[in-house]
């Protein structure tokens, strides 16, 4: 990977409308844990990434971390900027003989950036997303900076792909509290994630006491084009 030289200077990111629809091959690993009840489950090693087009200027990316966990991100072009509009996350936890599921739905305010048309290393954008969970009463608010680290190239399927590296840091308040930290390298032409490293820690008050959820994982793109 090659990075930028010292100093701040504008980076033209050359956004094309959207990635081609289909299923992209990703590999990765990770662990998800609950403190109450004490449970854990693994992510990967195969993590399909499915792109679905939505209207003329939006698209949805879905990662299937495992048969027990999927998550979607909804992206839309506003002018030349690609912004995060919202998404959903679904999980299943086997608790004894019962399978417990939950669905989180979130929406993000305008300006919650995914890939700006132009930016400078060190530049930040503030994001704000609100969400509800089917097993939790109330609304969770997630806010924090999204920082452009720089540009580089990554090898995907034997081909050098130009990428833009962002660092995302969010604080969760309200019905659930915690932190979300992620580094994402997205394809400079359309915003498709090429690599993602994430660390989540979210605490929820339940009838059984305070439960803490943690997610630690990474994934990377194996093929620049969808395989189906």
Protein backbone atom coordinates (compact mmCIF):
# COMPACT_ATOMS: atom_id res chain seq x y z
CA UNK A 1 0.00 0.00 0.00
CA UNK A 2 1.29 3.47 -0.84
CA UNK A 3 0.20 6.54 1.10
CA UNK A 4 0.21 10.29 0.67
CA UNK A 5 3.23 12.44 1.30
CA UNK A 6 3.35 14.94 4.15
CA UNK A 7 1.08 17.96 4.27
CA UNK A 8 -2.57 18.63 3.48
CA UNK A 9 -3.72 18.83 -0.09
CA UNK A 10 -6.94 18.27 -1.99
CA UNK A 11 -7.74 14.71 -3.07
CA UNK A 12 -10.02 14.34 -6.12
CA UNK A 13 -11.91 11.14 -5.41
CA UNK A 14 -13.53 10.66 -8.81
CA UNK A 15 -16.83 9.17 -7.65
CA UNK A 16 -18.73 7.14 -10.22
CA UNK A 17 -22.45 6.64 -9.56
CA UNK A 18 -22.54 3.15 -8.03
CA UNK A 19 -20.80 -0.23 -7.94
CA UNK A 20 -22.20 -2.94 -10.20
CA UNK A 21 -25.00 -4.90 -8.52
CA UNK A 22 -24.36 -8.47 -7.45
CA UNK A 23 -22.58 -10.52 -4.79
CA UNK A 24 -18.94 -9.65 -4.06
CA UNK A 25 -16.52 -12.10 -2.46
CA UNK A 26 -15.11 -10.95 0.89
CA UNK A 27 -13.02 -12.86 3.40
CA UNK A 28 -12.78 -11.95 7.06
CA UNK A 29 -12.89 -12.97 10.69
CA UNK A 30 -14.28 -11.65 13.93
CA UNK A 31 -16.04 -12.39 17.20
CA UNK A 32 -19.31 -11.11 18.63
CA UNK A 33 -19.98 -11.42 22.37
CA UNK A 34 -22.79 -10.79 24.84
CA UNK A 35 -22.03 -10.48 28.56
CA UNK A 36 -25.63 -11.30 29.66
CA UNK A 37 -26.40 -14.02 28.81
CA UNK A 38 -22.75 -15.02 28.27
CA UNK A 39 -22.69 -15.92 24.57
CA UNK A 40 -20.30 -15.60 21.65
CA UNK A 41 -20.34 -16.35 17.94
CA UNK A 42 -17.83 -16.10 15.10
CA UNK A 43 -17.80 -14.11 11.86
CA UNK A 44 -16.49 -15.40 8.52
CA UNK A 45 -14.32 -16.67 7.02
CA UNK A 46 -16.60 -16.10 3.99
CA UNK A 47 -18.55 -12.84 4.24
CA UNK A 48 -20.62 -12.18 1.10
CA UNK A 49 -21.18 -8.54 0.24
CA UNK A 50 -24.33 -7.95 -1.81
CA UNK A 51 -24.91 -4.69 -3.72
CA UNK A 52 -28.49 -3.80 -4.70
CA UNK A 53 -29.35 -0.67 -6.66
CA UNK A 54 -32.10 1.58 -5.30
CA UNK A 55 -33.59 4.13 -7.67
CA UNK A 56 -31.30 6.26 -9.82
CA UNK A 57 -28.83 7.52 -7.19
CA UNK A 58 -28.85 5.10 -4.23
CA UNK A 59 -27.59 1.61 -3.46
CA UNK A 60 -27.59 -0.85 -0.56
CA UNK A 61 -24.66 -2.96 0.64
CA UNK A 62 -25.36 -6.04 2.75
CA UNK A 63 -22.70 -8.02 4.62
CA UNK A 64 -23.58 -11.52 5.86
CA UNK A 65 -21.09 -11.96 8.69
CA UNK A 66 -22.58 -15.40 9.42
CA UNK A 67 -25.94 -17.19 9.25
CA UNK A 68 -26.75 -15.39 12.54
CA UNK A 69 -25.84 -11.81 11.60
CA UNK A 70 -26.31 -9.53 8.61
CA UNK A 71 -26.05 -5.77 8.25
CA UNK A 72 -26.99 -3.31 5.51
CA UNK A 73 -25.85 0.23 4.67
CA UNK A 74 -27.95 2.50 2.47
CA UNK A 75 -25.92 5.01 0.41
CA UNK A 76 -27.14 7.87 -1.80
CA UNK A 77 -25.42 10.38 -4.05
CA UNK A 78 -26.09 14.01 -3.13
CA UNK A 79 -24.53 16.01 -5.91
CA UNK A 80 -21.14 14.34 -6.32
CA UNK A 81 -20.89 13.28 -2.66
CA UNK A 82 -21.82 9.77 -1.52
CA UNK A 83 -23.60 9.88 1.86
CA UNK A 84 -24.74 7.24 4.34
CA UNK A 85 -28.55 7.34 4.55
CA UNK A 86 -29.14 4.51 7.06
CA UNK A 87 -29.48 0.75 7.21
CA UNK A 88 -30.37 -2.26 9.32
CA UNK A 89 -28.67 -4.96 11.40
CA UNK A 90 -30.19 -8.36 12.26
CA UNK A 91 -28.86 -10.93 14.71
CA UNK A 92 -29.87 -14.30 16.11
CA UNK A 93 -28.66 -15.63 19.46
CA UNK A 94 -29.42 -19.23 20.56
CA UNK A 95 -30.40 -18.95 24.23
CA UNK A 96 -30.87 -22.52 25.40
CA UNK A 97 -33.69 -24.05 23.32
CA UNK A 98 -34.91 -20.62 22.14
CA UNK A 99 -33.57 -18.51 19.26
CA UNK A 100 -33.69 -14.82 20.18
CA UNK A 101 -33.53 -12.32 17.32
CA UNK A 102 -33.27 -8.55 17.17
CA UNK A 103 -33.43 -6.02 14.36
CA UNK A 104 -31.87 -2.56 14.51
CA UNK A 105 -33.04 0.07 12.02
CA UNK A 106 -31.17 3.37 11.73
CA UNK A 107 -31.39 6.56 9.68
CA UNK A 108 -28.61 9.11 9.20
CA UNK A 109 -28.86 12.88 8.86
CA UNK A 110 -27.89 14.59 5.59
CA UNK A 111 -24.15 15.15 5.45
CA UNK A 112 -23.24 11.81 7.10
CA UNK A 113 -20.43 11.20 4.64
CA UNK A 114 -19.39 7.95 2.99
CA UNK A 115 -17.22 9.25 0.12
CA UNK A 116 -16.88 13.00 -0.60
CA UNK A 117 -16.19 14.13 -4.15
CA UNK A 118 -13.18 16.07 -2.85
CA UNK A 119 -11.37 16.13 0.47
CA UNK A 120 -8.06 16.75 2.19
CA UNK A 121 -6.14 14.39 4.47
CA UNK A 122 -7.17 15.19 8.03
CA UNK A 123 -10.51 16.70 7.00
CA UNK A 124 -13.49 15.56 9.08
CA UNK A 125 -17.25 15.41 8.65
CA UNK A 126 -19.72 15.01 11.51
CA UNK A 127 -22.20 12.16 11.31
CA UNK A 128 -25.46 11.66 13.18
CA UNK A 129 -27.60 8.55 12.98
CA UNK A 130 -30.61 7.50 15.08
CA UNK A 131 -31.83 3.97 15.55
CA UNK A 132 -34.32 1.67 17.21
CA UNK A 133 -33.99 -1.97 18.20
CA UNK A 134 -36.86 -4.47 18.37
CA UNK A 135 -35.75 -5.69 21.82
CA UNK A 136 -34.95 -2.29 23.36
CA UNK A 137 -37.32 0.51 24.33
CA UNK A 138 -36.39 3.98 23.09
CA UNK A 139 -34.03 5.51 20.53
CA UNK A 140 -30.26 5.39 20.29
CA UNK A 141 -28.33 8.34 18.85
CA UNK A 142 -24.91 7.73 17.28
CA UNK A 143 -22.70 10.76 16.61
CA UNK A 144 -19.06 11.42 15.84
CA UNK A 145 -16.39 12.44 13.34
CA UNK A 146 -15.55 10.77 10.05
CA UNK A 147 -11.95 11.60 9.09
CA UNK A 148 -10.20 11.26 5.73
CA UNK A 149 -6.82 9.63 6.44
CA UNK A 150 -5.46 9.51 2.89
CA UNK A 151 -5.35 7.69 -0.44
CA UNK A 152 -3.42 4.59 -1.48
CA UNK A 153 -3.77 1.44 -3.55
CA UNK A 154 -4.69 -2.09 -2.53
CA UNK A 155 -4.36 -5.30 -4.51
CA UNK A 156 -7.71 -6.98 -5.18
CA UNK A 157 -7.69 -10.17 -7.25
CA UNK A 158 -4.25 -9.34 -8.63
CA UNK A 159 -5.25 -5.81 -9.67
CA UNK A 160 -4.16 -2.54 -8.04
CA UNK A 161 -7.27 -0.66 -6.88
CA UNK A 162 -7.20 3.02 -5.80
CA UNK A 163 -8.73 3.39 -2.33
CA UNK A 164 -9.51 6.14 0.15
CA UNK A 165 -8.94 5.47 3.86
CA UNK A 166 -11.39 6.88 6.43
CA UNK A 167 -11.44 6.62 10.23
CA UNK A 168 -14.89 6.64 11.85
CA UNK A 169 -15.50 7.20 15.55
CA UNK A 170 -19.00 7.36 17.03
CA UNK A 171 -20.48 7.61 20.51
CA UNK A 172 -23.87 6.00 21.22
CA UNK A 173 -26.28 7.59 23.69
CA UNK A 174 -29.91 7.07 24.65
CA UNK A 175 -31.50 3.62 24.79
CA UNK A 176 -28.09 2.01 24.23
CA UNK A 177 -24.71 3.49 25.11
CA UNK A 178 -21.26 2.74 23.79
CA UNK A 179 -18.62 3.40 21.18
CA UNK A 180 -18.06 2.44 17.56
CA UNK A 181 -14.61 2.73 15.98
CA UNK A 182 -13.85 1.66 12.42
CA UNK A 183 -11.26 2.08 9.70
CA UNK A 184 -12.59 1.61 6.18
CA UNK A 185 -10.79 1.69 2.84
CA UNK A 186 -13.30 2.32 0.04
CA UNK A 187 -12.82 2.11 -3.71
CA UNK A 188 -12.20 5.64 -4.93
CA UNK A 189 -14.41 5.22 -8.00
CA UNK A 190 -17.67 4.24 -6.30
CA UNK A 191 -17.35 3.85 -2.50
CA UNK A 192 -17.41 0.04 -2.34
CA UNK A 193 -15.53 -1.08 0.82
CA UNK A 194 -12.24 -2.84 0.01
CA UNK A 195 -11.21 -3.35 3.65
CA UNK A 196 -13.04 -2.81 6.95
CA UNK A 197 -11.73 -3.10 10.51
CA UNK A 198 -14.29 -2.41 13.24
CA UNK A 199 -14.59 -2.39 17.03
CA UNK A 200 -18.00 -1.98 18.71
CA UNK A 201 -18.96 -1.91 22.37
CA UNK A 202 -22.62 -1.25 23.24
CA UNK A 203 -24.32 -1.55 26.64
CA UNK A 204 -28.05 -2.20 27.13
CA UNK A 205 -30.21 -2.38 30.26
CA UNK A 206 -32.22 -5.63 30.20
CA UNK A 207 -34.60 -7.46 32.53
CA UNK A 208 -31.65 -9.72 33.43
CA UNK A 209 -29.25 -6.84 34.18
CA UNK A 210 -26.86 -4.73 32.14
CA UNK A 211 -25.65 -6.53 29.02
CA UNK A 212 -22.60 -5.47 26.99
CA UNK A 213 -22.27 -6.39 23.33
CA UNK A 214 -18.85 -6.32 21.66
CA UNK A 215 -17.93 -6.91 18.03
CA UNK A 216 -14.33 -7.14 16.81
CA UNK A 217 -13.65 -8.02 13.21
CA UNK A 218 -12.14 -7.30 9.83
CA UNK A 219 -12.92 -8.14 6.23
CA UNK A 220 -11.38 -7.51 2.82
CA UNK A 221 -12.53 -7.69 -0.80
CA UNK A 222 -11.27 -10.66 -2.81
CA UNK A 223 -12.61 -9.79 -6.28
CA UNK A 224 -13.17 -6.36 -7.81
CA UNK A 225 -16.28 -7.53 -9.70
CA UNK A 226 -19.35 -9.41 -8.43
CA UNK A 227 -19.19 -13.15 -8.98
CA UNK A 228 -22.97 -13.54 -9.32
